[in-house]
C-alpha atoms as a PDB file:
ATOM      1  CA  MET A   1     -37.430  -8.163 -53.548  1.00  0.00           C
ATOM      2  CA  THR A   2     -36.273 -10.370 -56.417  1.00  0.00           C
ATOM      3  CA  MET A   3     -32.637 -11.391 -56.209  1.00  0.00           C
ATOM      4  CA  LYS A   4     -30.608 -11.056 -59.387  1.00  0.00           C
ATOM      5  CA  LEU A   5     -27.950 -13.531 -60.450  1.00  0.00           C
ATOM      6  CA  HIS A   6     -25.513 -12.274 -63.082  1.00  0.00           C
ATOM      7  CA  CYS A   7     -24.702 -15.478 -64.936  1.00  0.00           C
ATOM      8  CA  PHE A   8     -24.532 -17.313 -68.251  1.00  0.00           C
ATOM      9  CA  ALA A   9     -25.614 -20.829 -69.097  1.00  0.00           C
ATOM     10  CA  GLU A  10     -22.244 -22.122 -70.245  1.00  0.00           C
ATOM     11  CA  SER A  11     -20.722 -21.425 -66.836  1.00  0.00           C
ATOM     12  CA  GLY A  12     -20.706 -24.351 -64.442  1.00  0.00           C
ATOM     13  CA  ASN A  13     -19.909 -21.997 -61.588  1.00  0.00           C
ATOM     14  CA  SER A  14     -22.972 -19.952 -62.470  1.00  0.00           C
ATOM     15  CA  TYR A  15     -24.984 -23.168 -62.527  1.00  0.00           C
ATOM     16  CA  LYS A  16     -23.987 -23.993 -58.943  1.00  0.00           C
ATOM     17  CA  ALA A  17     -25.501 -20.714 -57.780  1.00  0.00           C
ATOM     18  CA  ALA A  18     -28.512 -20.775 -60.111  1.00  0.00           C
ATOM     19  CA  LEU A  19     -29.464 -24.338 -59.194  1.00  0.00           C
ATOM     20  CA  ALA A  20     -29.227 -23.554 -55.476  1.00  0.00           C
ATOM     21  CA  LEU A  21     -31.491 -20.546 -55.985  1.00  0.00           C
ATOM     22  CA  GLU A  22     -33.969 -22.461 -58.134  1.00  0.00           C
ATOM     23  CA  LEU A  23     -34.294 -25.384 -55.734  1.00  0.00           C
ATOM     24  CA  SER A  24     -34.418 -23.139 -52.662  1.00  0.00           C
ATOM     25  CA  GLY A  25     -37.714 -21.556 -53.687  1.00  0.00           C
ATOM     26  CA  LEU A  26     -36.328 -18.046 -53.250  1.00  0.00           C
ATOM     27  CA  ASP A  27     -37.441 -15.326 -55.671  1.00  0.00           C
ATOM     28  CA  TRP A  28     -34.661 -14.737 -58.205  1.00  0.00           C
ATOM     29  CA  GLU A  29     -34.013 -13.968 -61.848  1.00  0.00           C
ATOM     30  CA  PRO A  30     -30.981 -14.386 -64.107  1.00  0.00           C
ATOM     31  CA  VAL A  31     -29.166 -11.442 -65.667  1.00  0.00           C
ATOM     32  CA  PHE A  32     -27.210 -12.483 -68.765  1.00  0.00           C
ATOM     33  CA  VAL A  33     -23.457 -11.925 -68.720  1.00  0.00           C
ATOM     34  CA  ASP A  34     -22.001 -11.871 -72.232  1.00  0.00           C
ATOM     35  CA  PHE A  35     -18.766 -13.587 -71.256  1.00  0.00           C
ATOM     36  CA  PHE A  36     -17.722 -14.693 -74.718  1.00  0.00           C
ATOM     37  CA  ASN A  37     -17.881 -11.141 -76.051  1.00  0.00           C
ATOM     38  CA  GLY A  38     -15.721  -9.895 -73.200  1.00  0.00           C
ATOM     39  CA  GLN A  39     -18.266  -8.278 -70.875  1.00  0.00           C
ATOM     40  CA  THR A  40     -16.543  -9.438 -67.687  1.00  0.00           C
ATOM     41  CA  ARG A  41     -13.270  -7.856 -68.825  1.00  0.00           C
ATOM     42  CA  THR A  42     -14.704  -4.379 -69.294  1.00  0.00           C
ATOM     43  CA  PRO A  43     -14.034  -1.562 -66.804  1.00  0.00           C
ATOM     44  CA  GLU A  44     -17.787  -1.072 -66.483  1.00  0.00           C
ATOM     45  CA  PHE A  45     -18.390  -4.660 -65.337  1.00  0.00           C
ATOM     46  CA  ARG A  46     -15.558  -4.506 -62.808  1.00  0.00           C
ATOM     47  CA  ARG A  47     -16.809  -1.181 -61.506  1.00  0.00           C
ATOM     48  CA  ASP A  48     -20.544  -1.872 -61.450  1.00  0.00           C
ATOM     49  CA  VAL A  49     -20.888  -5.641 -61.006  1.00  0.00           C
ATOM     50  CA  ASN A  50     -17.767  -7.470 -59.797  1.00  0.00           C
ATOM     51  CA  GLU A  51     -14.275  -6.137 -59.267  1.00  0.00           C
ATOM     52  CA  MET A  52     -12.929  -9.672 -59.800  1.00  0.00           C
ATOM     53  CA  GLY A  53     -14.247  -9.713 -63.374  1.00  0.00           C
ATOM     54  CA  GLU A  54     -16.098 -13.003 -62.942  1.00  0.00           C
ATOM     55  CA  ALA A  55     -19.565 -14.543 -62.960  1.00  0.00           C
ATOM     56  CA  PRO A  56     -21.683 -15.481 -61.088  1.00  0.00           C
ATOM     57  CA  VAL A  57     -22.598 -12.452 -59.001  1.00  0.00           C
ATOM     58  CA  LEU A  58     -25.632 -12.339 -56.707  1.00  0.00           C
ATOM     59  CA  ILE A  59     -27.326  -9.041 -55.875  1.00  0.00           C
ATOM     60  CA  ASP A  60     -30.034  -8.943 -53.209  1.00  0.00           C
ATOM     61  CA  GLY A  61     -30.959  -5.331 -52.500  1.00  0.00           C
ATOM     62  CA  GLU A  62     -27.856  -3.769 -50.955  1.00  0.00           C
ATOM     63  CA  PHE A  63     -26.163  -7.141 -50.532  1.00  0.00           C
ATOM     64  CA  ARG A  64     -23.773  -8.361 -53.220  1.00  0.00           C
ATOM     65  CA  THR A  65     -21.388 -11.262 -53.440  1.00  0.00           C
ATOM     66  CA  SER A  66     -19.567 -13.327 -56.040  1.00  0.00           C
ATOM     67  CA  GLN A  67     -18.009 -16.815 -55.967  1.00  0.00           C
ATOM     68  CA  SER A  68     -20.426 -19.711 -56.196  1.00  0.00           C
ATOM     69  CA  GLY A  69     -19.604 -21.100 -52.755  1.00  0.00           C
ATOM     70  CA  ALA A  70     -20.343 -17.779 -51.087  1.00  0.00           C
ATOM     71  CA  ILE A  71     -23.597 -17.463 -53.033  1.00  0.00           C
ATOM     72  CA  GLN A  72     -24.635 -20.980 -52.030  1.00  0.00           C
ATOM     73  CA  ALA A  73     -23.924 -20.166 -48.376  1.00  0.00           C
ATOM     74  CA  TYR A  74     -26.063 -17.033 -48.645  1.00  0.00           C
ATOM     75  CA  VAL A  75     -28.898 -19.001 -50.259  1.00  0.00           C
ATOM     76  CA  SER A  76     -28.719 -21.496 -47.391  1.00  0.00           C
ATOM     77  CA  GLU A  77     -28.861 -18.725 -44.810  1.00  0.00           C
ATOM     78  CA  LYS A  78     -31.883 -17.142 -46.515  1.00  0.00           C
ATOM     79  CA  SER A  79     -33.792 -20.348 -47.237  1.00  0.00           C
ATOM     80  CA  GLY A  80     -32.702 -22.740 -44.518  1.00  0.00           C
ATOM     81  CA  LYS A  81     -31.849 -25.347 -47.166  1.00  0.00           C
ATOM     82  CA  PHE A  82     -28.731 -27.206 -48.334  1.00  0.00           C
ATOM     83  CA  GLY A  83     -26.493 -26.057 -45.465  1.00  0.00           C
ATOM     84  CA  GLY A  84     -26.523 -29.133 -43.234  1.00  0.00           C
ATOM     85  CA  ARG A  85     -28.307 -29.934 -40.007  1.00  0.00           C
ATOM     86  CA  THR A  86     -25.409 -30.150 -37.565  1.00  0.00           C
ATOM     87  CA  GLU A  87     -22.071 -28.438 -37.052  1.00  0.00           C
ATOM     88  CA  ALA A  88     -20.311 -31.549 -38.299  1.00  0.00           C
ATOM     89  CA  GLU A  89     -22.406 -31.579 -41.483  1.00  0.00           C
ATOM     90  CA  ARG A  90     -21.837 -27.864 -42.083  1.00  0.00           C
ATOM     91  CA  TYR A  91     -18.089 -28.293 -41.946  1.00  0.00           C
ATOM     92  CA  ASP A  92     -18.200 -31.427 -44.069  1.00  0.00           C
ATOM     93  CA  ILE A  93     -20.219 -29.544 -46.710  1.00  0.00           C
ATOM     94  CA  LEU A  94     -17.637 -26.755 -46.629  1.00  0.00           C
ATOM     95  CA  ARG A  95     -14.862 -29.333 -46.993  1.00  0.00           C
ATOM     96  CA  TRP A  96     -16.442 -30.769 -50.137  1.00  0.00           C
ATOM     97  CA  VAL A  97     -17.220 -27.351 -51.627  1.00  0.00           C
ATOM     98  CA  LEU A  98     -13.571 -26.344 -51.178  1.00  0.00           C
ATOM     99  CA  TRP A  99     -12.416 -29.660 -52.634  1.00  0.00           C
ATOM    100  CA  ASP A 100     -14.696 -29.167 -55.609  1.00  0.00           C
ATOM    101  CA  ASN A 101     -13.527 -25.609 -56.225  1.00  0.00           C
ATOM    102  CA  HIS A 102      -9.860 -26.586 -56.021  1.00  0.00           C
ATOM    103  CA  LYS A 103      -9.646 -30.119 -57.377  1.00  0.00           C
ATOM    104  CA  PHE A 104     -12.783 -30.853 -59.357  1.00  0.00           C
ATOM    105  CA  SER A 105     -14.845 -28.197 -61.100  1.00  0.00           C
ATOM    106  CA  SER A 106     -11.819 -25.946 -61.573  1.00  0.00           C
ATOM    107  CA  MET A 107     -10.205 -28.697 -63.646  1.00  0.00           C
ATOM    108  CA  ALA A 108     -13.463 -29.660 -65.363  1.00  0.00           C
ATOM    109  CA  GLY A 109     -14.295 -26.075 -66.322  1.00  0.00           C
ATOM    110  CA  LEU A 110     -10.834 -25.332 -67.669  1.00  0.00           C
ATOM    111  CA  THR A 111     -10.607 -28.592 -69.605  1.00  0.00           C
ATOM    112  CA  ARG A 112     -14.065 -28.160 -71.097  1.00  0.00           C
ATOM    113  CA  TYR A 113     -13.131 -24.639 -72.157  1.00  0.00           C
ATOM    114  CA  LEU A 114      -9.846 -25.704 -73.761  1.00  0.00           C
ATOM    115  CA  ILE A 115     -11.458 -28.531 -75.720  1.00  0.00           C
ATOM    116  CA  ASN A 116     -14.697 -26.859 -76.795  1.00  0.00           C
ATOM    117  CA  PHE A 117     -14.326 -23.077 -76.796  1.00  0.00           C
ATOM    118  CA  LEU A 118     -10.840 -22.482 -78.203  1.00  0.00           C
ATOM    119  CA  PRO A 119     -10.017 -22.716 -81.919  1.00  0.00           C
ATOM    120  CA  GLU A 120      -8.723 -26.184 -82.684  1.00  0.00           C
ATOM    121  CA  ASP A 121      -5.214 -24.978 -83.519  1.00  0.00           C
ATOM    122  CA  LYS A 122      -4.912 -23.289 -80.120  1.00  0.00           C
ATOM    123  CA  ARG A 123      -5.897 -26.248 -77.942  1.00  0.00           C
ATOM    124  CA  PRO A 124      -2.884 -27.280 -75.803  1.00  0.00           C
ATOM    125  CA  ALA A 125      -2.887 -31.069 -76.032  1.00  0.00           C
ATOM    126  CA  GLU A 126      -0.383 -31.626 -73.198  1.00  0.00           C
ATOM    127  CA  VAL A 127      -2.267 -29.341 -70.819  1.00  0.00           C
ATOM    128  CA  ILE A 128      -5.557 -31.039 -71.669  1.00  0.00           C
ATOM    129  CA  ALA A 129      -4.046 -34.486 -71.056  1.00  0.00           C
ATOM    130  CA  PHE A 130      -2.571 -33.358 -67.722  1.00  0.00           C
ATOM    131  CA  ASN A 131      -5.892 -31.889 -66.608  1.00  0.00           C
ATOM    132  CA  GLN A 132      -7.763 -35.026 -67.612  1.00  0.00           C
ATOM    133  CA  GLY A 133      -5.379 -37.085 -65.490  1.00  0.00           C
ATOM    134  CA  ARG A 134      -6.168 -34.917 -62.480  1.00  0.00           C
ATOM    135  CA  LEU A 135      -9.862 -35.160 -63.249  1.00  0.00           C
ATOM    136  CA  LYS A 136      -9.712 -38.947 -63.400  1.00  0.00           C
ATOM    137  CA  ALA A 137      -8.297 -38.956 -59.864  1.00  0.00           C
ATOM    138  CA  ALA A 138     -11.083 -36.613 -58.733  1.00  0.00           C
ATOM    139  CA  TYR A 139     -13.762 -38.794 -60.346  1.00  0.00           C
ATOM    140  CA  ALA A 140     -12.333 -41.783 -58.498  1.00  0.00           C
ATOM    141  CA  THR A 141     -12.424 -39.917 -55.181  1.00  0.00           C
ATOM    142  CA  LEU A 142     -16.045 -38.861 -55.617  1.00  0.00           C
ATOM    143  CA  ASN A 143     -17.185 -42.207 -57.000  1.00  0.00           C
ATOM    144  CA  ALA A 144     -15.667 -44.073 -54.048  1.00  0.00           C
ATOM    145  CA  HIS A 145     -17.214 -41.641 -51.576  1.00  0.00           C
ATOM    146  CA  LEU A 146     -20.671 -42.173 -53.094  1.00  0.00           C
ATOM    147  CA  ASP A 147     -20.442 -45.956 -52.839  1.00  0.00           C
ATOM    148  CA  GLY A 148     -23.212 -46.896 -50.426  1.00  0.00           C
ATOM    149  CA  ARG A 149     -24.597 -43.395 -49.964  1.00  0.00           C
ATOM    150  CA  ASP A 150     -27.133 -41.262 -51.815  1.00  0.00           C
ATOM    151  CA  TRP A 151     -25.644 -37.835 -51.087  1.00  0.00           C
ATOM    152  CA  ILE A 152     -22.182 -36.459 -50.450  1.00  0.00           C
ATOM    153  CA  VAL A 153     -23.022 -35.287 -46.924  1.00  0.00           C
ATOM    154  CA  GLY A 154     -25.869 -36.458 -44.717  1.00  0.00           C
ATOM    155  CA  ASP A 155     -29.165 -37.853 -45.922  1.00  0.00           C
ATOM    156  CA  GLY A 156     -30.303 -35.135 -48.311  1.00  0.00           C
ATOM    157  CA  LEU A 157     -29.261 -32.695 -51.011  1.00  0.00           C
ATOM    158  CA  THR A 158     -26.741 -30.091 -49.818  1.00  0.00           C
ATOM    159  CA  ASN A 159     -24.394 -27.496 -51.234  1.00  0.00           C
ATOM    160  CA  ALA A 160     -21.766 -30.218 -51.486  1.00  0.00           C
ATOM    161  CA  ASP A 161     -23.893 -31.961 -54.117  1.00  0.00           C
ATOM    162  CA  LEU A 162     -24.894 -28.732 -55.861  1.00  0.00           C
ATOM    163  CA  SER A 163     -21.259 -27.678 -56.128  1.00  0.00           C
ATOM    164  CA  CYS A 164     -19.747 -30.978 -57.261  1.00  0.00           C
ATOM    165  CA  CYS A 165     -22.427 -31.864 -59.826  1.00  0.00           C
ATOM    166  CA  SER A 166     -22.333 -28.664 -61.850  1.00  0.00           C
ATOM    167  CA  TYR A 167     -20.043 -29.425 -64.791  1.00  0.00           C
ATOM    168  CA  LEU A 168     -21.137 -33.052 -65.059  1.00  0.00           C
ATOM    169  CA  TYR A 169     -24.455 -32.236 -66.745  1.00  0.00           C
ATOM    170  CA  TYR A 170     -22.952 -30.328 -69.689  1.00  0.00           C
ATOM    171  CA  PRO A 171     -23.050 -32.035 -73.089  1.00  0.00           C
ATOM    172  CA  GLU A 172     -19.682 -30.730 -74.317  1.00  0.00           C
ATOM    173  CA  PRO A 173     -16.982 -33.406 -73.982  1.00  0.00           C
ATOM    174  CA  PHE A 174     -14.078 -32.965 -71.593  1.00  0.00           C
ATOM    175  CA  GLY A 175     -13.254 -36.544 -70.647  1.00  0.00           C
ATOM    176  CA  PHE A 176     -16.142 -37.518 -68.378  1.00  0.00           C
ATOM    177  CA  ASP A 177     -18.381 -40.470 -69.198  1.00  0.00           C
ATOM    178  CA  ARG A 178     -21.084 -41.266 -66.642  1.00  0.00           C
ATOM    179  CA  ALA A 179     -20.996 -44.931 -67.600  1.00  0.00           C
ATOM    180  CA  ASP A 180     -17.439 -45.198 -66.263  1.00  0.00           C
ATOM    181  CA  TRP A 181     -18.453 -44.056 -62.777  1.00  0.00           C
ATOM    182  CA  PRO A 182     -21.613 -45.886 -61.647  1.00  0.00           C
ATOM    183  CA  HIS A 183     -21.960 -44.251 -58.228  1.00  0.00           C
ATOM    184  CA  ILE A 184     -21.558 -40.766 -59.723  1.00  0.00           C
ATOM    185  CA  ASP A 185     -24.043 -41.712 -62.430  1.00  0.00           C
ATOM    186  CA  ALA A 186     -26.678 -42.805 -59.895  1.00  0.00           C
ATOM    187  CA  TRP A 187     -26.069 -39.663 -57.807  1.00  0.00           C
ATOM    188  CA  LEU A 188     -26.477 -37.388 -60.850  1.00  0.00           C
ATOM    189  CA  THR A 189     -29.770 -39.134 -61.609  1.00  0.00           C
ATOM    190  CA  ARG A 190     -30.960 -38.518 -58.037  1.00  0.00           C
ATOM    191  CA  ILE A 191     -30.137 -34.838 -58.319  1.00  0.00           C
ATOM    192  CA  SER A 192     -31.843 -34.446 -61.702  1.00  0.00           C
ATOM    193  CA  GLU A 193     -34.939 -36.187 -60.335  1.00  0.00           C
ATOM    194  CA  THR A 194     -35.213 -33.604 -57.549  1.00  0.00           C
ATOM    195  CA  ARG A 195     -38.377 -31.559 -57.965  1.00  0.00           C
ATOM    196  CA  GLY A 196     -37.578 -28.254 -59.663  1.00  0.00           C
ATOM    197  CA  TRP A 197     -34.230 -29.359 -61.138  1.00  0.00           C
ATOM    198  CA  LYS A 198     -33.325 -27.826 -64.481  1.00  0.00           C
ATOM    199  CA  HIS A 199     -30.475 -28.384 -66.902  1.00  0.00           C
ATOM    200  CA  PRO A 200     -28.065 -25.415 -67.051  1.00  0.00           C
ATOM    201  CA  TYR A 201     -29.125 -24.575 -70.596  1.00  0.00           C
ATOM    202  CA  ASP A 202     -32.750 -24.415 -69.456  1.00  0.00           C
ATOM    203  CA  LEU A 203     -32.062 -22.507 -66.259  1.00  0.00           C
ATOM    204  CA  MET A 204     -29.870 -19.626 -67.477  1.00  0.00           C
ATOM    205  CA  PRO A 205     -29.562 -17.525 -70.637  1.00  0.00           C
ATOM    206  CA  GLY A 206     -26.829 -18.140 -73.192  1.00  0.00           C
ATOM    207  CA  LYS A 207     -25.513 -21.303 -74.804  1.00  0.00           C
ATOM    208  CA  SER A 208     -23.179 -22.344 -77.594  1.00  0.00           C
ATOM    209  CA  SER A 209     -25.946 -22.582 -80.183  1.00  0.00           C
ATOM    210  CA  ASP A 210     -26.855 -18.934 -79.536  1.00  0.00           C
ATOM    211  CA  ARG A 211     -23.381 -17.941 -80.732  1.00  0.00           C
ATOM    212  CA  ALA A 212     -23.286 -20.260 -83.740  1.00  0.00           C
END
């Protein structure tokens, strides 16, 4: 049975789940979520798709879950990929996924949204500057960790990489320049050179130009 991922291309959290599915080799297909026209806020979406009113959502027969980290864990269980080889690796992957969700992609996603998807007169300059300061600290943490290693955990691609990389491939500016962080830059190149990798705007439906 083909798994269905409710997602949209502008969502870095959706990309985490979609990229894991694509690289896993599992049979899946995207289902477009019209976030910018309010679909996730409708009673129908909360009743029929996700009570939390968010994307992504994975549906596999009778099984359903949301939150990118949970979806990645499910993909690992089904495919045997990206979940680590030892107990120590599994917990280290979880540690980095939680760090990403709390400290990294949460800030990147919000900052990107404030700068690129709000009308210019509604962009809160002080909030954006504060977020970018927190992001700079997160970039430094990740860049230092990647010094001398190819992957965040272990010797191959894992959910730690798939989670942390997600927002860093988007073209919309939010204060990240790969040239400033050479170890992150090299790591992003390694991920994008992985067989089957696709850019978020090629992997999922919906992008800014569709709404222009």
